[in-house]
C-alpha atoms as a PDB file:
ATOM      1  CA  MET A   1      76.655 104.732  91.228  1.00  0.00           C
ATOM      2  CA  ALA A   2      79.280 104.126  93.903  1.00  0.00           C
ATOM      3  CA  GLY A   3      82.505 106.084  93.806  1.00  0.00           C
ATOM      4  CA  ARG A   4      85.978 104.646  93.641  1.00  0.00           C
ATOM      5  CA  LEU A   5      89.066 104.512  95.848  1.00  0.00           C
ATOM      6  CA  TYR A   6      92.298 105.602  94.159  1.00  0.00           C
ATOM      7  CA  LEU A   7      95.592 104.561  95.780  1.00  0.00           C
ATOM      8  CA  CYS A   8      97.973 107.299  94.682  1.00  0.00           C
ATOM      9  CA  ALA A   9     101.722 106.787  95.025  1.00  0.00           C
ATOM     10  CA  THR A  10     103.585 109.940  96.057  1.00  0.00           C
ATOM     11  CA  PRO A  11     107.343 110.697  96.017  1.00  0.00           C
ATOM     12  CA  ILE A  12     109.595 109.167  98.684  1.00  0.00           C
ATOM     13  CA  GLY A  13     111.917 112.148  98.405  1.00  0.00           C
ATOM     14  CA  ASN A  14     112.367 113.781  95.016  1.00  0.00           C
ATOM     15  CA  LEU A  15     109.143 115.596  94.081  1.00  0.00           C
ATOM     16  CA  GLU A  16     109.713 114.843  90.398  1.00  0.00           C
ATOM     17  CA  ASP A  17     108.930 111.186  91.124  1.00  0.00           C
ATOM     18  CA  ILE A  18     105.175 111.606  90.784  1.00  0.00           C
ATOM     19  CA  THR A  19     103.200 110.543  87.742  1.00  0.00           C
ATOM     20  CA  LEU A  20     101.019 112.719  85.550  1.00  0.00           C
ATOM     21  CA  ARG A  21      98.142 110.329  86.217  1.00  0.00           C
ATOM     22  CA  VAL A  22      98.445 110.778  89.984  1.00  0.00           C
ATOM     23  CA  LEU A  23      98.464 114.565  89.604  1.00  0.00           C
ATOM     24  CA  ARG A  24      95.340 114.443  87.424  1.00  0.00           C
ATOM     25  CA  VAL A  25      93.439 112.124  89.768  1.00  0.00           C
ATOM     26  CA  LEU A  26      94.339 114.177  92.852  1.00  0.00           C
ATOM     27  CA  LYS A  27      92.792 117.204  91.138  1.00  0.00           C
ATOM     28  CA  GLU A  28      89.678 115.357  89.958  1.00  0.00           C
ATOM     29  CA  VAL A  29      88.597 113.358  93.034  1.00  0.00           C
ATOM     30  CA  ASP A  30      86.112 114.712  95.570  1.00  0.00           C
ATOM     31  CA  LEU A  31      88.355 114.123  98.582  1.00  0.00           C
ATOM     32  CA  ILE A  32      91.941 113.190  99.445  1.00  0.00           C
ATOM     33  CA  ALA A  33      92.589 111.052 102.528  1.00  0.00           C
ATOM     34  CA  ALA A  34      96.146 111.588 103.812  1.00  0.00           C
ATOM     35  CA  GLU A  35      98.227 109.911 106.512  1.00  0.00           C
ATOM     36  CA  ASP A  36      99.636 113.255 107.692  1.00  0.00           C
ATOM     37  CA  THR A  37      97.760 116.270 106.376  1.00  0.00           C
ATOM     38  CA  ARG A  38     100.611 118.635 107.340  1.00  0.00           C
ATOM     39  CA  ASN A  39     103.051 116.804 105.064  1.00  0.00           C
ATOM     40  CA  SER A  40     100.488 116.342 102.330  1.00  0.00           C
ATOM     41  CA  VAL A  41      99.490 120.016 102.233  1.00  0.00           C
ATOM     42  CA  ARG A  42     103.059 120.926 101.273  1.00  0.00           C
ATOM     43  CA  LEU A  43     103.035 118.352  98.452  1.00  0.00           C
ATOM     44  CA  LEU A  44      99.611 119.419  97.167  1.00  0.00           C
ATOM     45  CA  ASN A  45     100.476 123.111  97.338  1.00  0.00           C
ATOM     46  CA  HIS A  46     103.652 122.457  95.359  1.00  0.00           C
ATOM     47  CA  PHE A  47     101.555 121.095  92.487  1.00  0.00           C
ATOM     48  CA  GLY A  48      98.699 123.586  92.872  1.00  0.00           C
ATOM     49  CA  ILE A  49      96.128 120.997  93.977  1.00  0.00           C
ATOM     50  CA  ARG A  50      93.185 122.412  95.958  1.00  0.00           C
ATOM     51  CA  THR A  51      91.117 119.256  96.532  1.00  0.00           C
ATOM     52  CA  PRO A  52      89.655 118.974 100.087  1.00  0.00           C
ATOM     53  CA  LEU A  53      91.831 116.974 102.484  1.00  0.00           C
ATOM     54  CA  THR A  54      91.009 114.701 105.410  1.00  0.00           C
ATOM     55  CA  SER A  55      93.201 112.712 107.788  1.00  0.00           C
ATOM     56  CA  TYR A  56      93.446 108.938 107.664  1.00  0.00           C
ATOM     57  CA  HIS A  57      96.104 107.396 109.899  1.00  0.00           C
ATOM     58  CA  GLU A  58      97.000 104.532 112.242  1.00  0.00           C
ATOM     59  CA  HIS A  59      94.878 105.832 115.125  1.00  0.00           C
ATOM     60  CA  ASN A  60      91.607 106.245 113.198  1.00  0.00           C
ATOM     61  CA  LYS A  61      92.090 103.655 110.443  1.00  0.00           C
ATOM     62  CA  ILE A  62      89.035 101.488 111.195  1.00  0.00           C
ATOM     63  CA  GLU A  63      86.430 104.057 112.196  1.00  0.00           C
ATOM     64  CA  LYS A  64      87.498 106.500 109.480  1.00  0.00           C
ATOM     65  CA  ALA A  65      87.675 103.761 106.843  1.00  0.00           C
ATOM     66  CA  HIS A  66      83.990 102.957 107.382  1.00  0.00           C
ATOM     67  CA  ARG A  67      83.089 106.640 107.120  1.00  0.00           C
ATOM     68  CA  LEU A  68      85.080 107.016 103.911  1.00  0.00           C
ATOM     69  CA  ALA A  69      83.476 103.861 102.511  1.00  0.00           C
ATOM     70  CA  GLU A  70      80.023 105.338 103.181  1.00  0.00           C
ATOM     71  CA  GLN A  71      80.989 108.414 101.187  1.00  0.00           C
ATOM     72  CA  MET A  72      82.191 106.291  98.284  1.00  0.00           C
ATOM     73  CA  LEU A  73      78.996 104.216  98.362  1.00  0.00           C
ATOM     74  CA  ALA A  74      77.158 107.547  98.070  1.00  0.00           C
ATOM     75  CA  GLY A  75      79.047 108.282  94.859  1.00  0.00           C
ATOM     76  CA  ARG A  76      82.151 110.224  95.927  1.00  0.00           C
ATOM     77  CA  ASP A  77      85.602 109.422  94.510  1.00  0.00           C
ATOM     78  CA  ILE A  78      88.401 109.422  97.107  1.00  0.00           C
ATOM     79  CA  ALA A  79      92.172 109.336  96.689  1.00  0.00           C
ATOM     80  CA  LEU A  80      94.398 107.883  99.392  1.00  0.00           C
ATOM     81  CA  ILE A  81      97.956 109.104  99.848  1.00  0.00           C
ATOM     82  CA  THR A  82     100.563 108.206 102.440  1.00  0.00           C
ATOM     83  CA  ASP A  83     103.438 110.280 103.830  1.00  0.00           C
ATOM     84  CA  ALA A  84     105.684 108.903 101.097  1.00  0.00           C
ATOM     85  CA  GLY A  85     105.468 106.072  98.613  1.00  0.00           C
ATOM     86  CA  THR A  86     102.645 103.698  97.754  1.00  0.00           C
ATOM     87  CA  PRO A  87      99.552 103.553 100.016  1.00  0.00           C
ATOM     88  CA  GLY A  88      98.632 100.157 101.402  1.00  0.00           C
ATOM     89  CA  VAL A  89     102.242  99.000 101.755  1.00  0.00           C
ATOM     90  CA  SER A  90     103.161  98.893 105.446  1.00  0.00           C
ATOM     91  CA  ASP A  91     100.671 101.614 106.355  1.00  0.00           C
ATOM     92  CA  PRO A  92      97.017 101.978 107.474  1.00  0.00           C
ATOM     93  CA  GLY A  93      95.822 102.035 103.865  1.00  0.00           C
ATOM     94  CA  GLU A  94      95.542  98.244 103.817  1.00  0.00           C
ATOM     95  CA  GLU A  95      92.555  98.477 106.193  1.00  0.00           C
ATOM     96  CA  LEU A  96      90.745 100.968 103.978  1.00  0.00           C
ATOM     97  CA  VAL A  97      91.362  98.750 100.943  1.00  0.00           C
ATOM     98  CA  ARG A  98      90.022  95.703 102.806  1.00  0.00           C
ATOM     99  CA  ILE A  99      86.855  97.512 103.921  1.00  0.00           C
ATOM    100  CA  CYS A 100      86.263  98.887 100.421  1.00  0.00           C
ATOM    101  CA  CYS A 101      86.664  95.428  98.888  1.00  0.00           C
ATOM    102  CA  GLU A 102      84.201  93.967 101.397  1.00  0.00           C
ATOM    103  CA  ALA A 103      81.708  96.727 100.542  1.00  0.00           C
ATOM    104  CA  GLY A 104      82.043  96.134  96.806  1.00  0.00           C
ATOM    105  CA  ILE A 105      83.742  99.477  96.167  1.00  0.00           C
ATOM    106  CA  ALA A 106      86.134  99.568  93.200  1.00  0.00           C
ATOM    107  CA  VAL A 107      89.785 100.119  94.122  1.00  0.00           C
ATOM    108  CA  THR A 108      92.393 101.344  91.649  1.00  0.00           C
ATOM    109  CA  SER A 109      96.124 101.590  92.329  1.00  0.00           C
ATOM    110  CA  LEU A 110      98.140 104.289  90.580  1.00  0.00           C
ATOM    111  CA  PRO A 111     101.728 102.967  90.643  1.00  0.00           C
ATOM    112  CA  GLY A 112     104.724 105.022  91.554  1.00  0.00           C
ATOM    113  CA  ALA A 113     107.535 105.250  94.088  1.00  0.00           C
ATOM    114  CA  ALA A 114     108.058 102.566  96.752  1.00  0.00           C
ATOM    115  CA  ALA A 115     111.101 102.682  99.014  1.00  0.00           C
ATOM    116  CA  CYS A 116     111.395  98.882  99.243  1.00  0.00           C
ATOM    117  CA  ILE A 117     111.593  98.455  95.458  1.00  0.00           C
ATOM    118  CA  THR A 118     113.882 101.451  95.008  1.00  0.00           C
ATOM    119  CA  ALA A 119     116.309 100.052  97.595  1.00  0.00           C
ATOM    120  CA  LEU A 120     116.161  96.547  96.185  1.00  0.00           C
ATOM    121  CA  THR A 121     117.034  97.673  92.669  1.00  0.00           C
ATOM    122  CA  VAL A 122     120.144  99.615  93.741  1.00  0.00           C
ATOM    123  CA  SER A 123     121.279  97.152  96.404  1.00  0.00           C
ATOM    124  CA  GLY A 124     123.375  94.872  94.224  1.00  0.00           C
ATOM    125  CA  GLN A 125     121.633  91.926  95.905  1.00  0.00           C
ATOM    126  CA  ARG A 126     119.602  89.207  94.196  1.00  0.00           C
ATOM    127  CA  THR A 127     116.222  90.614  93.171  1.00  0.00           C
ATOM    128  CA  ARG A 128     114.329  87.699  91.588  1.00  0.00           C
ATOM    129  CA  ARG A 129     113.006  86.538  94.964  1.00  0.00           C
ATOM    130  CA  PHE A 130     112.654  88.826  97.958  1.00  0.00           C
ATOM    131  CA  ALA A 131     110.720  89.117 101.216  1.00  0.00           C
ATOM    132  CA  PHE A 132     109.546  92.501 102.484  1.00  0.00           C
ATOM    133  CA  GLU A 133     109.490  92.752 106.289  1.00  0.00           C
ATOM    134  CA  ALA A 134     108.861  96.524 106.606  1.00  0.00           C
ATOM    135  CA  PHE A 135     109.597  97.693 110.191  1.00  0.00           C
ATOM    136  CA  LEU A 136     110.414  94.870 112.599  1.00  0.00           C
ATOM    137  CA  PRO A 137     107.861  94.456 115.427  1.00  0.00           C
ATOM    138  CA  ARG A 138     108.416  96.447 118.632  1.00  0.00           C
ATOM    139  CA  ASP A 139     107.041  93.662 120.838  1.00  0.00           C
ATOM    140  CA  ARG A 140     110.055  91.673 122.076  1.00  0.00           C
ATOM    141  CA  LYS A 141     108.519  88.214 121.697  1.00  0.00           C
ATOM    142  CA  GLU A 142     107.113  88.880 118.230  1.00  0.00           C
ATOM    143  CA  ARG A 143     110.368  90.523 117.153  1.00  0.00           C
ATOM    144  CA  THR A 144     112.347  87.453 118.237  1.00  0.00           C
ATOM    145  CA  GLU A 145     110.006  85.168 116.301  1.00  0.00           C
ATOM    146  CA  VAL A 146     110.277  87.280 113.144  1.00  0.00           C
ATOM    147  CA  LEU A 147     114.077  87.425 113.361  1.00  0.00           C
ATOM    148  CA  GLN A 148     114.244  83.652 113.743  1.00  0.00           C
ATOM    149  CA  GLU A 149     112.040  83.240 110.666  1.00  0.00           C
ATOM    150  CA  MET A 150     114.275  85.645 108.760  1.00  0.00           C
ATOM    151  CA  ALA A 151     117.337  83.608 109.709  1.00  0.00           C
ATOM    152  CA  GLN A 152     115.986  80.694 107.643  1.00  0.00           C
ATOM    153  CA  GLU A 153     114.729  82.791 104.717  1.00  0.00           C
ATOM    154  CA  THR A 154     116.521  82.112 101.421  1.00  0.00           C
ATOM    155  CA  ARG A 155     115.028  85.138  99.668  1.00  0.00           C
ATOM    156  CA  THR A 156     116.618  88.591  99.811  1.00  0.00           C
ATOM    157  CA  LEU A 157     115.216  90.490 102.817  1.00  0.00           C
ATOM    158  CA  VAL A 158     114.073  94.126 102.835  1.00  0.00           C
ATOM    159  CA  VAL A 159     113.646  95.960 106.152  1.00  0.00           C
ATOM    160  CA  TYR A 160     112.811  99.569 107.027  1.00  0.00           C
ATOM    161  CA  GLU A 161     114.433 101.292 109.998  1.00  0.00           C
ATOM    162  CA  ALA A 162     114.568 104.707 111.661  1.00  0.00           C
ATOM    163  CA  PRO A 163     117.982 106.256 112.387  1.00  0.00           C
ATOM    164  CA  HIS A 164     117.697 106.114 116.200  1.00  0.00           C
ATOM    165  CA  ARG A 165     117.030 102.342 116.123  1.00  0.00           C
ATOM    166  CA  LEU A 166     119.409 101.427 113.296  1.00  0.00           C
ATOM    167  CA  LEU A 167     122.422 100.252 115.330  1.00  0.00           C
ATOM    168  CA  LYS A 168     120.325  98.086 117.667  1.00  0.00           C
ATOM    169  CA  THR A 169     118.580  96.463 114.695  1.00  0.00           C
ATOM    170  CA  LEU A 170     121.887  95.802 112.922  1.00  0.00           C
ATOM    171  CA  GLN A 171     123.259  94.194 116.083  1.00  0.00           C
ATOM    172  CA  GLU A 172     120.193  91.942 116.382  1.00  0.00           C
ATOM    173  CA  LEU A 173     120.375  90.978 112.718  1.00  0.00           C
ATOM    174  CA  TYR A 174     124.048  90.054 113.042  1.00  0.00           C
ATOM    175  CA  GLU A 175     123.409  88.066 116.218  1.00  0.00           C
ATOM    176  CA  VAL A 176     120.501  86.064 114.760  1.00  0.00           C
ATOM    177  CA  LEU A 177     121.279  85.847 111.032  1.00  0.00           C
ATOM    178  CA  GLY A 178     125.051  85.607 111.300  1.00  0.00           C
ATOM    179  CA  GLU A 179     127.377  87.138 108.729  1.00  0.00           C
ATOM    180  CA  ARG A 180     125.494  88.235 105.607  1.00  0.00           C
ATOM    181  CA  LYS A 181     125.914  90.821 102.895  1.00  0.00           C
ATOM    182  CA  ILE A 182     123.822  93.934 103.539  1.00  0.00           C
ATOM    183  CA  SER A 183     123.106  97.055 101.508  1.00  0.00           C
ATOM    184  CA  VAL A 184     122.311  99.989 103.794  1.00  0.00           C
ATOM    185  CA  CYS A 185     120.280 102.445 101.723  1.00  0.00           C
ATOM    186  CA  ARG A 186     119.835 105.951 103.100  1.00  0.00           C
ATOM    187  CA  GLU A 187     117.766 108.961 101.978  1.00  0.00           C
ATOM    188  CA  LEU A 188     116.678 107.325  98.728  1.00  0.00           C
ATOM    189  CA  THR A 189     115.957 109.731  95.808  1.00  0.00           C
ATOM    190  CA  LYS A 190     117.014 112.691  97.988  1.00  0.00           C
ATOM    191  CA  LYS A 191     120.054 114.960  97.760  1.00  0.00           C
ATOM    192  CA  PHE A 192     122.174 112.856 100.124  1.00  0.00           C
ATOM    193  CA  GLU A 193     121.164 109.430  98.813  1.00  0.00           C
ATOM    194  CA  GLU A 194     123.708 106.811  99.808  1.00  0.00           C
ATOM    195  CA  VAL A 195     124.073 103.032  99.498  1.00  0.00           C
ATOM    196  CA  LYS A 196     126.678 101.261 101.627  1.00  0.00           C
ATOM    197  CA  ARG A 197     127.338  97.666 100.562  1.00  0.00           C
ATOM    198  CA  LEU A 198     128.813  95.925 103.594  1.00  0.00           C
ATOM    199  CA  THR A 199     128.589  92.770 105.673  1.00  0.00           C
ATOM    200  CA  LEU A 200     126.418  92.802 108.785  1.00  0.00           C
ATOM    201  CA  LYS A 201     129.534  92.805 110.971  1.00  0.00           C
ATOM    202  CA  GLU A 202     130.981  95.762 109.055  1.00  0.00           C
ATOM    203  CA  ALA A 203     127.666  97.612 109.298  1.00  0.00           C
ATOM    204  CA  VAL A 204     127.543  97.132 113.085  1.00  0.00           C
ATOM    205  CA  THR A 205     131.098  98.478 113.379  1.00  0.00           C
ATOM    206  CA  PHE A 206     130.475 101.450 111.088  1.00  0.00           C
ATOM    207  CA  TYR A 207     127.247 102.626 112.705  1.00  0.00           C
ATOM    208  CA  GLY A 208     128.716 102.019 116.138  1.00  0.00           C
ATOM    209  CA  GLU A 209     131.247 104.724 115.251  1.00  0.00           C
ATOM    210  CA  HIS A 210     129.110 107.020 113.067  1.00  0.00           C
ATOM    211  CA  GLU A 211     125.781 108.679 113.807  1.00  0.00           C
ATOM    212  CA  ALA A 212     122.909 107.430 111.628  1.00  0.00           C
ATOM    213  CA  LYS A 213     121.011 110.207 109.851  1.00  0.00           C
ATOM    214  CA  GLY A 214     118.012 109.983 107.538  1.00  0.00           C
ATOM    215  CA  GLU A 215     115.595 107.175 106.727  1.00  0.00           C
ATOM    216  CA  PHE A 216     117.014 103.720 106.067  1.00  0.00           C
ATOM    217  CA  VAL A 217     116.122 100.669 104.011  1.00  0.00           C
ATOM    218  CA  LEU A 218     118.174  97.544 104.692  1.00  0.00           C
ATOM    219  CA  VAL A 219     118.545  94.932 101.950  1.00  0.00           C
ATOM    220  CA  ILE A 220     119.972  91.721 103.389  1.00  0.00           C
ATOM    221  CA  GLU A 221     121.296  88.631 101.658  1.00  0.00           C
ATOM    222  CA  GLY A 222     119.106  85.563 102.129  1.00  0.00           C
ATOM    223  CA  LYS A 223     120.405  82.321 103.587  1.00  0.00           C
ATOM    224  CA  SER A 224     122.099  80.145 100.982  1.00  0.00           C
ATOM    225  CA  ARG A 225     120.218  77.041  99.925  1.00  0.00           C
ATOM    226  CA  GLU A 226     123.422  75.073 100.410  1.00  0.00           C
ATOM    227  CA  ALA A 227     123.468  76.095 104.084  1.00  0.00           C
ATOM    228  CA  VAL A 228     119.820  75.121 104.434  1.00  0.00           C
ATOM    229  CA  ARG A 229     120.570  71.733 102.852  1.00  0.00           C
ATOM    230  CA  ARG A 230     123.560  71.106 105.119  1.00  0.00           C
ATOM    231  CA  GLU A 231     121.531  71.919 108.222  1.00  0.00           C
ATOM    232  CA  ALA A 232     118.712  69.641 107.093  1.00  0.00           C
ATOM    233  CA  GLU A 233     121.138  66.793 106.529  1.00  0.00           C
ATOM    234  CA  LYS A 234     122.794  67.374 109.897  1.00  0.00           C
ATOM    235  CA  SER A 235     119.434  67.266 111.675  1.00  0.00           C
ATOM    236  CA  TRP A 236     118.979  63.632 110.557  1.00  0.00           C
ATOM    237  CA  GLU A 237     122.419  62.468 111.669  1.00  0.00           C
ATOM    238  CA  ASN A 238     121.241  61.131 115.030  1.00  0.00           C
ATOM    239  CA  VAL A 239     118.118  59.458 113.622  1.00  0.00           C
ATOM    240  CA  PRO A 240     118.598  55.789 112.646  1.00  0.00           C
ATOM    241  CA  LEU A 241     117.984  55.286 108.951  1.00  0.00           C
ATOM    242  CA  ALA A 242     115.321  52.629 109.549  1.00  0.00           C
ATOM    243  CA  GLU A 243     113.455  55.005 111.869  1.00  0.00           C
ATOM    244  CA  HIS A 244     113.747  57.730 109.249  1.00  0.00           C
ATOM    245  CA  MET A 245     112.174  55.393 106.689  1.00  0.00           C
ATOM    246  CA  ALA A 246     109.402  54.425 109.093  1.00  0.00           C
ATOM    247  CA  LEU A 247     108.384  58.077 109.544  1.00  0.00           C
ATOM    248  CA  TYR A 248     107.549  58.399 105.843  1.00  0.00           C
ATOM    249  CA  GLU A 249     105.977  54.973 105.527  1.00  0.00           C
ATOM    250  CA  LYS A 250     103.655  55.748 108.455  1.00  0.00           C
ATOM    251  CA  GLU A 251     102.460  58.752 106.444  1.00  0.00           C
ATOM    252  CA  GLY A 252     101.342  56.300 103.750  1.00  0.00           C
ATOM    253  CA  MET A 253     104.277  56.840 101.433  1.00  0.00           C
ATOM    254  CA  ALA A 254     105.289  53.871  99.232  1.00  0.00           C
ATOM    255  CA  ARG A 255     108.622  52.267 100.151  1.00  0.00           C
ATOM    256  CA  LYS A 256     110.356  53.376  96.961  1.00  0.00           C
ATOM    257  CA  GLU A 257     109.204  56.968  97.424  1.00  0.00           C
ATOM    258  CA  ALA A 258     110.171  56.886 101.135  1.00  0.00           C
ATOM    259  CA  MET A 259     113.676  55.752 100.191  1.00  0.00           C
ATOM    260  CA  LYS A 260     113.933  58.623  97.737  1.00  0.00           C
ATOM    261  CA  LYS A 261     112.895  61.130 100.419  1.00  0.00           C
ATOM    262  CA  VAL A 262     115.305  59.679 102.989  1.00  0.00           C
ATOM    263  CA  ALA A 263     118.162  59.867 100.481  1.00  0.00           C
ATOM    264  CA  LYS A 264     117.389  63.521  99.767  1.00  0.00           C
ATOM    265  CA  ASP A 265     117.098  64.390 103.463  1.00  0.00           C
ATOM    266  CA  ARG A 266     120.476  62.855 104.227  1.00  0.00           C
ATOM    267  CA  GLY A 267     122.292  63.976 101.090  1.00  0.00           C
ATOM    268  CA  ILE A 268     123.102  60.405 100.035  1.00  0.00           C
ATOM    269  CA  SER A 269     122.107  58.193  97.101  1.00  0.00           C
ATOM    270  CA  ARG A 270     119.037  55.983  97.099  1.00  0.00           C
ATOM    271  CA  ARG A 271     121.346  52.996  96.559  1.00  0.00           C
ATOM    272  CA  GLU A 272     123.119  53.799  99.848  1.00  0.00           C
ATOM    273  CA  VAL A 273     119.767  53.867 101.610  1.00  0.00           C
ATOM    274  CA  TYR A 274     118.856  50.512 100.075  1.00  0.00           C
ATOM    275  CA  GLN A 275     122.195  48.921 101.068  1.00  0.00           C
ATOM    276  CA  SER A 276     121.912  50.204 104.633  1.00  0.00           C
ATOM    277  CA  LEU A 277     118.404  48.833 104.995  1.00  0.00           C
ATOM    278  CA  LEU A 278     119.576  45.449 103.676  1.00  0.00           C
ATOM    279  CA  GLN A 279     122.398  45.338 106.208  1.00  0.00           C
ATOM    280  CA  ASP A 280     119.975  46.127 109.035  1.00  0.00           C
ATOM    281  CA  GLY A 281     117.542  43.502 107.747  1.00  0.00           C
ATOM    282  CA  VAL A 282     114.767  46.061 107.327  1.00  0.00           C
END
């Protein structure tokens, strides 16, 4: 029978944040695939785990994934761990999962720490709806496109950033998103854990004057739906109402339904739409 892939969440800082199930599985599997074997050896040694270790990282993620899949098809059980947190979330593990799924290999996730969720829960921001962006793209064009998409996002936004790029990213966020609430989470679960609840402008000022140290997770307020509505209404201001109606009717929408849509787009009542159309003889 084929083996199984176990996605094992490891601590993002505090070593006590590892589950008993993860510890048991790491001892029982035939092989552990790790993003950085040097980091992982220290973790495994701390818990007295002697299971063989192999590297699986960004630079070998496709070739190595196929080799690991072959081993699992031959009956070996393999655990995947990342440097910190849950494998498959913003790391090469997603490729191994995809290849295993395509090969019919069973994949099991052992839940545990995740920096994005940890930051979100302590941020003080809205948590019912959120969008996880991980690290923003390095490519300038792609980065600009992502930032512009984020500017229109009404869900709470979660972004990872390294200390040496933090100020630049905060400046870009302020420039594109405008003034928003932001929770700057640093060194989560570690000795010097810190959460600064600021505005983007305040964050730019603070980190322009203070050196950023540690790993950061940024939790940013989403755009208000009221602002989205106002912008949508404003975008129709220069479009004649009759032309607005015609756009929906050309799509095959019934007149009554088109009037309802036009009224919603413009933030007015359906009666006002009807009266305006009468006056224009449409």
